[in-house]
């Protein structure tokens, strides 16, 4: 992998973790509203399910697939190609809504944009490295079921 691709991958991760950290330190970790708490917990459950189905050995925080990576199309991956990214958005959006400010919304939008750009970059790599990924893209959604 080239030096510029390594830098790009780590930039995505740095932005992602910076946004997550800023959201966490600028408001409560658990929303007081039951509906928002339910959304947050569903996001957490989706993330845990996705990691469990993918397997720890197949998991990588950067968008670069590991040499041992394999195509996973069961569990949440049956419908969504990036359920862990959706999980992050579902966990953090209720936090922003609970303690709303323009700054927190801007941070969440930066996270959203970072994840969308990251997943597009990742999919470009996966198209060349994983057999069957092109077909998998045709029968699944990127991030949001039935929408995107």
Foldseek 3Di string as FASTA:
>chain_A
DDPVVVVLQVVLLVLLVVLVVVLPVVFPQAAPDPVLNVLLVVLVVLLVQVCVQQDVVQDDSTLATDPPHADGCDDPNVAEVCSNLLSVLSNRVSSCVRVPDPVNVVSSVSNVVSVVVRLVVSLVNCVVRYPPSVVSPVRYHHHDGPPD
